[in-house]
Amino acid sequence: EQRQQILIDWRAPAAERFYQSTAA
């Protein structure tokens, strides 16, 4: 309700690391 992000859309730039990050 305060416009604070509580869930990131998988397509948003902020979510890219969820798919692209690796141990290397």
PDB file of all heavy atoms in Angstrom:
ATOM      1  N   GLU A   1       0.820  -1.218   0.000  1.00  0.00           N
ATOM      2  CA  GLU A   1       0.000   0.000   0.000  1.00  0.00           C
ATOM      3  C   GLU A   1       0.851   1.263   0.000  1.00  0.00           C
ATOM      4  O   GLU A   1       0.377   2.333  -0.374  1.00  0.00           O
ATOM      5  CB  GLU A   1      -0.938  -0.017   1.207  1.00  0.00           C
ATOM      6  CG  GLU A   1      -1.998  -1.114   1.126  1.00  0.00           C
ATOM      7  CD  GLU A   1      -2.900  -1.121   2.338  1.00  0.00           C
ATOM      8  OE1 GLU A   1      -2.553  -0.449   3.333  1.00  0.00           O
ATOM      9  OE2 GLU A   1      -3.952  -1.796   2.294  1.00  0.00           O
ATOM     10  N   GLN A   2       2.097   1.146   0.440  1.00  0.00           N
ATOM     11  CA  GLN A   2       3.004   2.303   0.437  1.00  0.00           C
ATOM     12  C   GLN A   2       3.844   2.359  -0.847  1.00  0.00           C
ATOM     13  O   GLN A   2       4.818   3.099  -0.935  1.00  0.00           O
ATOM     14  CB  GLN A   2       3.946   2.237   1.650  1.00  0.00           C
ATOM     15  CG  GLN A   2       3.281   2.555   2.984  1.00  0.00           C
ATOM     16  CD  GLN A   2       2.362   1.437   3.445  1.00  0.00           C
ATOM     17  OE1 GLN A   2       2.748   0.265   3.399  1.00  0.00           O
ATOM     18  NE2 GLN A   2       1.153   1.800   3.885  1.00  0.00           N
ATOM     19  N   ARG A   3       3.464   1.549  -1.831  1.00  0.00           N
ATOM     20  CA  ARG A   3       4.134   1.493  -3.131  1.00  0.00           C
ATOM     21  C   ARG A   3       5.554   0.941  -3.030  1.00  0.00           C
ATOM     22  O   ARG A   3       6.391   1.195  -3.909  1.00  0.00           O
ATOM     23  CB  ARG A   3       4.175   2.883  -3.802  1.00  0.00           C
ATOM     24  CG  ARG A   3       2.810   3.479  -4.050  1.00  0.00           C
ATOM     25  CD  ARG A   3       2.003   2.645  -5.009  1.00  0.00           C
ATOM     26  NE  ARG A   3       0.678   3.197  -5.250  1.00  0.00           N
ATOM     27  CZ  ARG A   3      -0.264   2.601  -5.980  1.00  0.00           C
ATOM     28  NH1 ARG A   3       0.003   1.427  -6.536  1.00  0.00           N
ATOM     29  NH2 ARG A   3      -1.435   3.168  -6.157  1.00  0.00           N
ATOM     30  N   GLN A   4       5.827   0.182  -1.985  1.00  0.00           N
ATOM     31  CA  GLN A   4       7.120  -0.476  -1.865  1.00  0.00           C
ATOM     32  C   GLN A   4       7.058  -1.829  -2.573  1.00  0.00           C
ATOM     33  O   GLN A   4       6.093  -2.581  -2.404  1.00  0.00           O
ATOM     34  CB  GLN A   4       7.479  -0.669  -0.389  1.00  0.00           C
ATOM     35  CG  GLN A   4       7.667   0.637   0.378  1.00  0.00           C
ATOM     36  CD  GLN A   4       8.798   1.481  -0.175  1.00  0.00           C
ATOM     37  OE1 GLN A   4       9.918   0.989  -0.373  1.00  0.00           O
ATOM     38  NE2 GLN A   4       8.510   2.757  -0.433  1.00  0.00           N
ATOM     39  N   GLN A   5       8.090  -2.140  -3.349  1.00  0.00           N
ATOM     40  CA  GLN A   5       8.095  -3.386  -4.114  1.00  0.00           C
ATOM     41  C   GLN A   5       8.257  -4.578  -3.176  1.00  0.00           C
ATOM     42  O   GLN A   5       9.215  -4.665  -2.413  1.00  0.00           O
ATOM     43  CB  GLN A   5       9.247  -3.377  -5.124  1.00  0.00           C
ATOM     44  CG  GLN A   5       9.100  -4.392  -6.245  1.00  0.00           C
ATOM     45  CD  GLN A   5       8.145  -3.918  -7.327  1.00  0.00           C
ATOM     46  OE1 GLN A   5       8.130  -2.742  -7.679  1.00  0.00           O
ATOM     47  NE2 GLN A   5       7.350  -4.829  -7.863  1.00  0.00           N
ATOM     48  N   ILE A   6       7.288  -5.514  -3.257  1.00  0.00           N
ATOM     49  CA  ILE A   6       7.368  -6.719  -2.431  1.00  0.00           C
ATOM     50  C   ILE A   6       7.530  -7.982  -3.276  1.00  0.00           C
ATOM     51  O   ILE A   6       7.841  -9.045  -2.748  1.00  0.00           O
ATOM     52  CB  ILE A   6       6.123  -6.859  -1.524  1.00  0.00           C
ATOM     53  CG1 ILE A   6       4.834  -6.889  -2.356  1.00  0.00           C
ATOM     54  CG2 ILE A   6       6.087  -5.740  -0.491  1.00  0.00           C
ATOM     55  CD1 ILE A   6       3.571  -7.131  -1.527  1.00  0.00           C
ATOM     56  N   LEU A   7       7.322  -7.852  -4.577  1.00  0.00           N
ATOM     57  CA  LEU A   7       7.526  -8.982  -5.491  1.00  0.00           C
ATOM     58  C   LEU A   7       7.970  -8.433  -6.834  1.00  0.00           C
ATOM     59  O   LEU A   7       7.317  -7.539  -7.392  1.00  0.00           O
ATOM     60  CB  LEU A   7       6.233  -9.801  -5.645  1.00  0.00           C
ATOM     61  CG  LEU A   7       6.334 -11.077  -6.489  1.00  0.00           C
ATOM     62  CD1 LEU A   7       7.234 -12.106  -5.804  1.00  0.00           C
ATOM     63  CD2 LEU A   7       4.939 -11.694  -6.721  1.00  0.00           C
ATOM     64  N   ILE A   8       9.073  -8.969  -7.364  1.00  0.00           N
ATOM     65  CA  ILE A   8       9.629  -8.506  -8.633  1.00  0.00           C
ATOM     66  C   ILE A   8       9.102  -9.369  -9.774  1.00  0.00           C
ATOM     67  O   ILE A   8       9.142 -10.597  -9.700  1.00  0.00           O
ATOM     68  CB  ILE A   8      11.173  -8.573  -8.621  1.00  0.00           C
ATOM     69  CG1 ILE A   8      11.738  -7.764  -7.448  1.00  0.00           C
ATOM     70  CG2 ILE A   8      11.750  -8.104  -9.944  1.00  0.00           C
ATOM     71  CD1 ILE A   8      11.505  -6.290  -7.553  1.00  0.00           C
ATOM     72  N   ASP A   9       8.601  -8.727 -10.828  1.00  0.00           N
ATOM     73  CA  ASP A   9       8.180  -9.449 -12.030  1.00  0.00           C
ATOM     74  C   ASP A   9       9.397 -10.119 -12.661  1.00  0.00           C
ATOM     75  O   ASP A   9      10.466  -9.515 -12.784  1.00  0.00           O
ATOM     76  CB  ASP A   9       7.538  -8.476 -13.026  1.00  0.00           C
ATOM     77  CG  ASP A   9       6.834  -9.182 -14.179  1.00  0.00           C
ATOM     78  OD1 ASP A   9       7.520  -9.901 -14.934  1.00  0.00           O
ATOM     79  OD2 ASP A   9       5.618  -9.007 -14.335  1.00  0.00           O
ATOM     80  N   TRP A  10       9.257 -11.376 -13.060  1.00  0.00           N
ATOM     81  CA  TRP A  10      10.379 -12.136 -13.614  1.00  0.00           C
ATOM     82  C   TRP A  10      10.991 -11.491 -14.851  1.00  0.00           C
ATOM     83  O   TRP A  10      12.138 -11.760 -15.214  1.00  0.00           O
ATOM     84  CB  TRP A  10       9.951 -13.568 -13.946  1.00  0.00           C
ATOM     85  CG  TRP A  10       8.975 -13.670 -15.091  1.00  0.00           C
ATOM     86  CD1 TRP A  10       7.624 -13.535 -15.040  1.00  0.00           C
ATOM     87  CD2 TRP A  10       9.293 -13.926 -16.466  1.00  0.00           C
ATOM     88  NE1 TRP A  10       7.062 -13.684 -16.286  1.00  0.00           N
ATOM     89  CE2 TRP A  10       8.062 -13.931 -17.180  1.00  0.00           C
ATOM     90  CE3 TRP A  10      10.475 -14.165 -17.160  1.00  0.00           C
ATOM     91  CZ2 TRP A  10       7.991 -14.162 -18.549  1.00  0.00           C
ATOM     92  CZ3 TRP A  10      10.408 -14.382 -18.533  1.00  0.00           C
ATOM     93  CH2 TRP A  10       9.178 -14.382 -19.218  1.00  0.00           C
ATOM     94  N   ARG A  11      10.230 -10.613 -15.513  1.00  0.00           N
ATOM     95  CA  ARG A  11      10.712  -9.973 -16.729  1.00  0.00           C
ATOM     96  C   ARG A  11      11.453  -8.671 -16.466  1.00  0.00           C
ATOM     97  O   ARG A  11      12.063  -8.105 -17.373  1.00  0.00           O
ATOM     98  CB  ARG A  11       9.533  -9.717 -17.676  1.00  0.00           C
ATOM     99  CG  ARG A  11       8.873 -10.981 -18.154  1.00  0.00           C
ATOM    100  CD  ARG A  11       7.508 -10.733 -18.762  1.00  0.00           C
ATOM    101  NE  ARG A  11       6.525 -10.340 -17.742  1.00  0.00           N
ATOM    102  CZ  ARG A  11       5.213 -10.259 -17.955  1.00  0.00           C
ATOM    103  NH1 ARG A  11       4.731 -10.544 -19.147  1.00  0.00           N
ATOM    104  NH2 ARG A  11       4.396  -9.897 -16.993  1.00  0.00           N
ATOM    105  N   ALA A  12      11.353  -8.166 -15.241  1.00  0.00           N
ATOM    106  CA  ALA A  12      11.977  -6.891 -14.909  1.00  0.00           C
ATOM    107  C   ALA A  12      13.506  -7.024 -14.891  1.00  0.00           C
ATOM    108  O   ALA A  12      14.045  -8.097 -14.599  1.00  0.00           O
ATOM    109  CB  ALA A  12      11.480  -6.417 -13.545  1.00  0.00           C
ATOM    110  N   PRO A  13      14.230  -5.940 -15.201  1.00  0.00           N
ATOM    111  CA  PRO A  13      15.701  -6.000 -15.167  1.00  0.00           C
ATOM    112  C   PRO A  13      16.241  -6.496 -13.827  1.00  0.00           C
ATOM    113  O   PRO A  13      17.263  -7.193 -13.789  1.00  0.00           O
ATOM    114  CB  PRO A  13      16.103  -4.544 -15.444  1.00  0.00           C
ATOM    115  CG  PRO A  13      14.969  -3.986 -16.258  1.00  0.00           C
ATOM    116  CD  PRO A  13      13.729  -4.636 -15.698  1.00  0.00           C
ATOM    117  N   ALA A  14      15.544  -6.163 -12.740  1.00  0.00           N
ATOM    118  CA  ALA A  14      16.012  -6.568 -11.412  1.00  0.00           C
ATOM    119  C   ALA A  14      15.973  -8.075 -11.212  1.00  0.00           C
ATOM    120  O   ALA A  14      16.611  -8.600 -10.292  1.00  0.00           O
ATOM    121  CB  ALA A  14      15.168  -5.889 -10.330  1.00  0.00           C
ATOM    122  N   ALA A  15      15.219  -8.781 -12.065  1.00  0.00           N
ATOM    123  CA  ALA A  15      15.093 -10.234 -11.917  1.00  0.00           C
ATOM    124  C   ALA A  15      16.102 -10.998 -12.771  1.00  0.00           C
ATOM    125  O   ALA A  15      16.189 -12.221 -12.658  1.00  0.00           O
ATOM    126  CB  ALA A  15      13.677 -10.673 -12.276  1.00  0.00           C
ATOM    127  N   GLU A  16      16.855 -10.306 -13.612  1.00  0.00           N
ATOM    128  CA  GLU A  16      17.759 -11.005 -14.531  1.00  0.00           C
ATOM    129  C   GLU A  16      18.768 -11.875 -13.795  1.00  0.00           C
ATOM    130  O   GLU A  16      19.125 -12.969 -14.241  1.00  0.00           O
ATOM    131  CB  GLU A  16      18.485  -9.997 -15.426  1.00  0.00           C
ATOM    132  CG  GLU A  16      17.584  -9.359 -16.476  1.00  0.00           C
ATOM    133  CD  GLU A  16      18.363  -8.507 -17.459  1.00  0.00           C
ATOM    134  OE1 GLU A  16      19.504  -8.897 -17.790  1.00  0.00           O
ATOM    135  OE2 GLU A  16      17.847  -7.459 -17.889  1.00  0.00           O
ATOM    136  N   ARG A  17      19.230 -11.397 -12.644  1.00  0.00           N
ATOM    137  CA  ARG A  17      20.252 -12.150 -11.915  1.00  0.00           C
ATOM    138  C   ARG A  17      19.725 -13.498 -11.406  1.00  0.00           C
ATOM    139  O   ARG A  17      20.511 -14.412 -11.162  1.00  0.00           O
ATOM    140  CB  ARG A  17      20.791 -11.318 -10.751  1.00  0.00           C
ATOM    141  CG  ARG A  17      21.644 -10.146 -11.214  1.00  0.00           C
ATOM    142  CD  ARG A  17      22.371  -9.488 -10.057  1.00  0.00           C
ATOM    143  NE  ARG A  17      21.453  -8.768  -9.174  1.00  0.00           N
ATOM    144  CZ  ARG A  17      21.839  -8.129  -8.059  1.00  0.00           C
ATOM    145  NH1 ARG A  17      23.113  -8.134  -7.697  1.00  0.00           N
ATOM    146  NH2 ARG A  17      20.965  -7.492  -7.320  1.00  0.00           N
ATOM    147  N   PHE A  18      18.415 -13.595 -11.250  1.00  0.00           N
ATOM    148  CA  PHE A  18      17.846 -14.874 -10.811  1.00  0.00           C
ATOM    149  C   PHE A  18      18.131 -15.971 -11.833  1.00  0.00           C
ATOM    150  O   PHE A  18      18.309 -17.145 -11.487  1.00  0.00           O
ATOM    151  CB  PHE A  18      16.330 -14.731 -10.612  1.00  0.00           C
ATOM    152  CG  PHE A  18      15.658 -15.978 -10.102  1.00  0.00           C
ATOM    153  CD1 PHE A  18      15.749 -16.349  -8.772  1.00  0.00           C
ATOM    154  CD2 PHE A  18      14.942 -16.792 -10.968  1.00  0.00           C
ATOM    155  CE1 PHE A  18      15.129 -17.503  -8.302  1.00  0.00           C
ATOM    156  CE2 PHE A  18      14.316 -17.950 -10.512  1.00  0.00           C
ATOM    157  CZ  PHE A  18      14.418 -18.307  -9.176  1.00  0.00           C
ATOM    158  N   TYR A  19      18.177 -15.594 -13.107  1.00  0.00           N
ATOM    159  CA  TYR A  19      18.397 -16.560 -14.182  1.00  0.00           C
ATOM    160  C   TYR A  19      19.845 -16.614 -14.658  1.00  0.00           C
ATOM    161  O   TYR A  19      20.311 -17.659 -15.121  1.00  0.00           O
ATOM    162  CB  TYR A  19      17.485 -16.228 -15.362  1.00  0.00           C
ATOM    163  CG  TYR A  19      16.019 -16.238 -15.017  1.00  0.00           C
ATOM    164  CD1 TYR A  19      15.300 -15.055 -14.883  1.00  0.00           C
ATOM    165  CD2 TYR A  19      15.351 -17.439 -14.803  1.00  0.00           C
ATOM    166  CE1 TYR A  19      13.956 -15.065 -14.558  1.00  0.00           C
ATOM    167  CE2 TYR A  19      13.997 -17.460 -14.475  1.00  0.00           C
ATOM    168  CZ  TYR A  19      13.307 -16.264 -14.351  1.00  0.00           C
ATOM    169  OH  TYR A  19      11.976 -16.289 -14.014  1.00  0.00           O
ATOM    170  N   GLN A  20      20.544 -15.496 -14.566  1.00  0.00           N
ATOM    171  CA  GLN A  20      21.863 -15.411 -15.192  1.00  0.00           C
ATOM    172  C   GLN A  20      23.032 -15.695 -14.261  1.00  0.00           C
ATOM    173  O   GLN A  20      24.113 -16.069 -14.720  1.00  0.00           O
ATOM    174  CB  GLN A  20      22.050 -14.014 -15.804  1.00  0.00           C
ATOM    175  CG  GLN A  20      21.148 -13.731 -16.992  1.00  0.00           C
ATOM    176  CD  GLN A  20      21.499 -14.584 -18.188  1.00  0.00           C
ATOM    177  OE1 GLN A  20      22.643 -14.978 -18.366  1.00  0.00           O
ATOM    178  NE2 GLN A  20      20.507 -14.900 -19.013  1.00  0.00           N
ATOM    179  N   SER A  21      22.844 -15.535 -12.962  1.00  0.00           N
ATOM    180  CA  SER A  21      23.951 -15.716 -12.025  1.00  0.00           C
ATOM    181  C   SER A  21      24.389 -17.169 -11.965  1.00  0.00           C
ATOM    182  O   SER A  21      23.567 -18.091 -12.004  1.00  0.00           O
ATOM    183  CB  SER A  21      23.531 -15.243 -10.630  1.00  0.00           C
ATOM    184  OG  SER A  21      23.199 -13.871 -10.648  1.00  0.00           O
ATOM    185  N   THR A  22      25.690 -17.377 -11.852  1.00  0.00           N
ATOM    186  CA  THR A  22      26.256 -18.719 -11.740  1.00  0.00           C
ATOM    187  C   THR A  22      27.307 -18.716 -10.632  1.00  0.00           C
ATOM    188  O   THR A  22      27.726 -17.655 -10.145  1.00  0.00           O
ATOM    189  CB  THR A  22      26.926 -19.151 -13.053  1.00  0.00           C
ATOM    190  OG1 THR A  22      28.046 -18.281 -13.306  1.00  0.00           O
ATOM    191  CG2 THR A  22      25.953 -19.093 -14.218  1.00  0.00           C
ATOM    192  N   ALA A  23      27.732 -19.910 -10.253  1.00  0.00           N
ATOM    193  CA  ALA A  23      28.780 -20.001  -9.243  1.00  0.00           C
ATOM    194  C   ALA A  23      30.071 -19.354  -9.741  1.00  0.00           C
ATOM    195  O   ALA A  23      30.834 -18.765  -8.961  1.00  0.00           O
ATOM    196  CB  ALA A  23      29.020 -21.464  -8.884  1.00  0.00           C
ATOM    197  N   ALA A  24      30.325 -19.451 -11.038  1.00  0.00           N
ATOM    198  CA  ALA A  24      31.521 -18.833 -11.612  1.00  0.00           C
ATOM    199  C   ALA A  24      31.393 -17.314 -11.661  1.00  0.00           C
ATOM    200  O   ALA A  24      32.387 -16.592 -11.575  1.00  0.00           O
ATOM    201  CB  ALA A  24      31.775 -19.384 -13.007  1.00  0.00           C
TER     202      ALA A  24
END
